Protein backbone atom coordinates (compact mmCIF):
# COMPACT_ATOMS: atom_id res chain seq x y z
CA MET A 1 169.30 151.17 68.84
CA PRO A 2 166.60 148.84 67.51
CA VAL A 3 167.39 149.52 63.85
CA THR A 4 168.80 147.40 61.02
CA VAL A 5 171.38 149.15 58.83
CA LEU A 6 171.26 147.84 55.27
CA VAL A 7 174.19 148.43 52.92
CA VAL A 8 173.45 147.92 49.22
CA ALA A 9 176.76 147.11 47.54
CA LYS A 10 178.33 145.87 44.33
CA ALA A 11 181.53 143.85 44.26
CA PRO A 12 184.21 146.22 42.90
CA VAL A 13 185.23 144.19 39.85
CA PRO A 14 187.45 146.12 37.41
CA GLY A 15 185.49 147.09 34.33
CA GLN A 16 182.14 146.50 36.03
CA THR A 17 182.09 149.20 38.69
CA LYS A 18 182.28 152.99 38.73
CA THR A 19 182.38 153.18 34.94
CA ARG A 20 182.08 156.97 34.86
CA LEU A 21 184.97 157.27 37.28
CA ALA A 22 186.90 154.64 35.30
CA ALA A 23 186.70 156.81 32.19
CA ALA A 24 189.09 159.22 33.94
CA VAL A 25 191.30 156.94 36.07
CA GLY A 26 191.06 153.50 34.45
CA ASP A 27 189.19 150.34 35.34
CA GLN A 28 191.57 149.04 38.00
CA ALA A 29 191.94 152.37 39.81
CA ALA A 30 188.17 152.88 39.79
CA ALA A 31 187.68 149.42 41.29
CA ASP A 32 190.33 150.15 43.91
CA ILE A 33 188.55 153.37 44.86
CA ALA A 34 185.17 151.60 45.01
CA ALA A 35 186.67 148.89 47.22
CA ALA A 36 188.11 151.50 49.56
CA ALA A 37 184.76 153.30 49.74
CA LEU A 38 182.95 150.06 50.55
CA LEU A 39 185.43 149.08 53.25
CA ASP A 40 185.25 152.51 54.89
CA THR A 41 181.45 152.31 54.80
CA LEU A 42 181.43 148.85 56.38
CA ASP A 43 183.72 150.11 59.15
CA ALA A 44 181.33 152.96 59.94
CA VAL A 45 178.31 150.65 59.99
CA ALA A 46 180.13 148.12 62.16
CA ALA A 47 180.91 150.86 64.69
CA ALA A 48 177.39 152.31 64.75
CA PRO A 49 175.23 151.54 67.82
CA VAL A 50 172.53 149.63 65.93
CA GLN A 51 171.05 146.20 66.51
CA ASP A 52 171.48 144.49 63.12
CA ARG A 53 173.63 144.92 60.02
CA VAL A 54 172.83 143.53 56.57
CA VAL A 55 174.62 143.81 53.23
CA ALA A 56 172.70 143.21 50.00
CA LEU A 57 175.49 142.28 47.59
CA THR A 58 175.76 141.71 43.88
CA GLY A 59 178.81 140.69 41.85
CA ASP A 60 181.74 138.32 42.24
CA LEU A 61 184.03 139.04 45.20
CA ASN A 62 186.52 136.51 43.84
CA ARG A 63 187.23 138.92 40.96
CA ALA A 64 186.90 142.12 42.96
CA SER A 65 189.57 144.55 44.04
CA ARG A 66 190.45 143.79 47.69
CA GLY A 67 187.97 140.92 47.56
CA THR A 68 189.53 138.99 50.43
CA GLU A 69 189.55 142.08 52.64
CA ILE A 70 185.93 142.79 51.81
CA ARG A 71 184.95 139.20 52.52
CA ASN A 72 186.64 139.42 55.92
CA ALA A 73 184.84 142.69 56.70
CA LEU A 74 181.51 141.08 55.81
CA SER A 75 181.95 138.43 58.50
CA GLY A 76 180.13 140.69 60.96
CA PHE A 77 177.15 141.21 58.63
CA MET A 78 174.29 139.15 57.37
CA VAL A 79 174.83 139.00 53.60
CA VAL A 80 171.95 138.56 51.15
CA GLU A 81 172.08 138.46 47.38
CA GLN A 82 170.46 141.31 45.51
CA ARG A 83 167.46 140.28 43.43
CA GLY A 84 165.41 142.17 40.89
CA GLU A 85 165.32 143.18 37.24
CA ASP A 86 166.55 146.73 37.76
CA PHE A 87 168.25 148.82 40.46
CA ALA A 88 165.00 150.23 41.82
CA GLY A 89 163.59 146.72 42.18
CA ARG A 90 166.76 145.47 43.85
CA LEU A 91 166.57 148.31 46.39
CA ALA A 92 162.94 147.55 47.25
CA ASN A 93 163.64 143.82 47.49
CA ALA A 94 166.66 144.42 49.72
CA HIS A 95 164.43 146.17 52.25
CA VAL A 96 162.17 143.11 52.32
CA ASP A 97 165.13 140.74 52.67
CA ALA A 98 166.63 142.79 55.51
CA ALA A 99 163.38 142.87 57.46
CA ALA A 100 163.63 139.43 59.08
CA ALA A 101 164.21 140.93 62.53
CA GLY A 102 161.16 143.17 62.20
CA LEU A 103 163.17 146.35 62.86
CA PRO A 104 163.13 149.70 61.07
CA ILE A 105 165.60 149.63 58.18
CA LEU A 106 168.17 152.34 57.42
CA GLN A 107 169.63 151.78 53.96
CA ILE A 108 172.82 153.30 52.56
CA GLY A 109 175.05 152.58 49.59
CA MET A 110 178.81 152.43 49.13
CA ASP A 111 179.28 155.84 47.49
CA THR A 112 179.58 157.95 50.65
CA PRO A 113 182.77 156.77 52.38
CA GLN A 114 182.75 159.92 54.52
CA VAL A 115 179.81 158.53 56.49
CA THR A 116 180.57 157.99 60.18
CA ALA A 117 179.16 155.85 62.94
CA ASP A 118 177.85 159.02 64.60
CA LEU A 119 176.02 160.12 61.45
CA ILE A 120 174.49 156.66 61.02
CA ALA A 121 173.40 156.80 64.67
CA ALA A 122 171.83 160.22 64.16
CA CYS A 123 169.90 158.98 61.12
CA ALA A 124 168.79 155.87 63.03
CA GLN A 125 167.59 158.02 65.93
CA ALA A 126 165.62 160.21 63.53
CA LEU A 127 164.05 157.10 61.99
CA LEU A 128 162.81 155.95 65.38
CA GLY A 129 160.75 159.14 65.60
CA ASN A 130 159.33 159.17 62.08
CA ASP A 131 157.78 156.93 59.42
CA ALA A 132 160.83 157.40 57.19
CA VAL A 133 164.01 159.41 56.74
CA LEU A 134 165.71 160.49 53.53
CA GLY A 135 169.15 162.02 53.04
CA LEU A 136 169.55 163.76 49.72
CA ALA A 137 172.79 163.79 47.74
CA ASP A 138 174.44 166.83 46.21
CA ASP A 139 173.94 165.45 42.69
CA GLY A 140 170.17 165.26 43.09
CA GLY A 141 169.97 161.64 44.18
CA TRP A 142 169.88 160.31 47.73
CA TRP A 143 172.40 158.53 49.93
CA VAL A 144 170.26 157.18 52.80
CA LEU A 145 166.69 155.97 53.10
CA GLY A 146 165.16 154.72 56.31
CA VAL A 147 161.72 153.15 56.63
CA THR A 148 159.86 151.71 59.59
CA ASP A 149 158.11 149.13 57.38
CA PRO A 150 159.77 147.52 54.32
CA ALA A 151 156.53 147.95 52.38
CA MET A 152 157.21 151.69 52.40
CA ALA A 153 160.22 151.13 50.15
CA ASP A 154 158.06 149.46 47.51
CA CYS A 155 157.37 152.88 46.00
CA LEU A 156 161.00 152.93 44.84
CA ARG A 157 159.98 150.61 42.01
CA THR A 158 158.31 153.55 40.26
CA VAL A 159 161.18 156.02 40.78
CA PRO A 160 163.71 156.50 37.94
CA MET A 161 167.19 156.00 39.38
CA SER A 162 170.50 157.75 38.65
CA ARG A 163 168.90 160.98 37.54
CA PRO A 164 169.33 164.56 38.80
CA ASP A 165 165.77 164.46 40.14
CA THR A 166 165.85 160.99 41.73
CA GLY A 167 165.98 162.43 45.24
CA ALA A 168 163.03 164.74 44.68
CA LEU A 169 161.03 161.99 42.98
CA THR A 170 161.76 159.59 45.86
CA LEU A 171 160.58 162.13 48.41
CA THR A 172 157.41 162.73 46.39
CA ALA A 173 156.74 159.00 46.02
CA LEU A 174 157.05 158.46 49.76
CA ARG A 175 154.82 161.40 50.67
CA ASP A 176 152.26 160.47 48.01
CA ASN A 177 151.88 157.18 49.87
CA GLY A 178 151.05 159.02 53.09
CA ILE A 179 154.49 158.47 54.62
CA ASP A 180 155.88 161.10 56.99
CA VAL A 181 159.46 161.76 55.88
CA ASP A 182 162.15 163.52 57.92
CA LEU A 183 164.99 164.93 55.82
CA VAL A 184 168.42 164.22 57.31
CA ALA A 185 171.95 165.35 56.37
CA GLN A 186 172.77 165.94 52.72
CA LEU A 187 176.06 164.43 51.46
CA ALA A 188 178.13 164.30 48.30
CA ASP A 189 178.56 160.88 46.75
CA VAL A 190 181.17 159.56 44.35
CA ASP A 191 180.22 158.83 40.74
CA THR A 192 182.77 160.76 38.67
CA VAL A 193 186.30 162.05 39.12
CA GLU A 194 184.86 165.52 39.74
CA ASP A 195 183.20 164.18 42.89
CA VAL A 196 186.39 162.83 44.44
CA ASP A 197 187.87 165.94 46.00
CA VAL A 198 184.81 167.08 47.95
CA VAL A 199 184.25 163.59 49.35
CA ARG A 200 187.92 163.10 50.15
CA ARG A 201 188.01 166.35 52.10
CA ALA A 202 185.14 165.03 54.22
CA CYS A 203 187.03 161.80 54.97
CA ALA A 204 189.83 161.25 57.45
CA PRO A 205 193.22 161.64 55.71
CA ILE A 206 194.12 158.08 56.70
CA SER A 207 190.88 156.62 55.33
CA ARG A 208 191.13 153.94 52.66
CA PHE A 209 189.20 156.19 50.28
CA ALA A 210 191.59 159.11 50.73
CA ARG A 211 194.61 156.89 50.20
CA ALA A 212 193.13 155.11 47.17
CA THR A 213 192.14 158.30 45.40
CA VAL A 214 195.54 159.90 46.01
CA ALA A 215 197.24 156.76 44.69
CA ALA A 216 195.06 156.92 41.57
CA GLY A 217 195.91 160.57 40.98
CA ALA A 218 192.21 161.45 41.28
């Protein structure tokens, strides 16, 4: 499909990633879980029937858990460095940086390792029939945003991130700009140890995420 999938990711460096999860399982285990989630996500994106794949990355892979494996997985992606003063700005800028091919952009993060190639394809198909798509997260945020023009994502700069109403505020910001938004599947994402079980049950038992969380006792 003529869609670019954009993954916004952070190198899983112990002590610098998944800090709320790390409070329960430790810095190294949290980084291992984040690395597993990222690798599972990259696998799903690589298998999805889309035209282009971009990763907007921040952090040092040389210090990251499973850094070599992640670097190898990224060989099939165009990798751009995140830029911006805050997370909202980095998200908006990533849409601009991923837009070189002029295709609609479907953006996900690395916190939903249960995502599948089929689900990505379904979201991409929905995007082709609408101005934008948004998939809300169980915690009140969102896990996927698709836009047909990167300028549509500029409204993210005004949306407070990592709050229980971030998803609702994002939907409002899009619609207030006259953008037709189709809501797609809602998923749980992983921020704390309490999130692990519901996400793990949605993953294949042999997934990296399932194995990493079991190994961490999460």
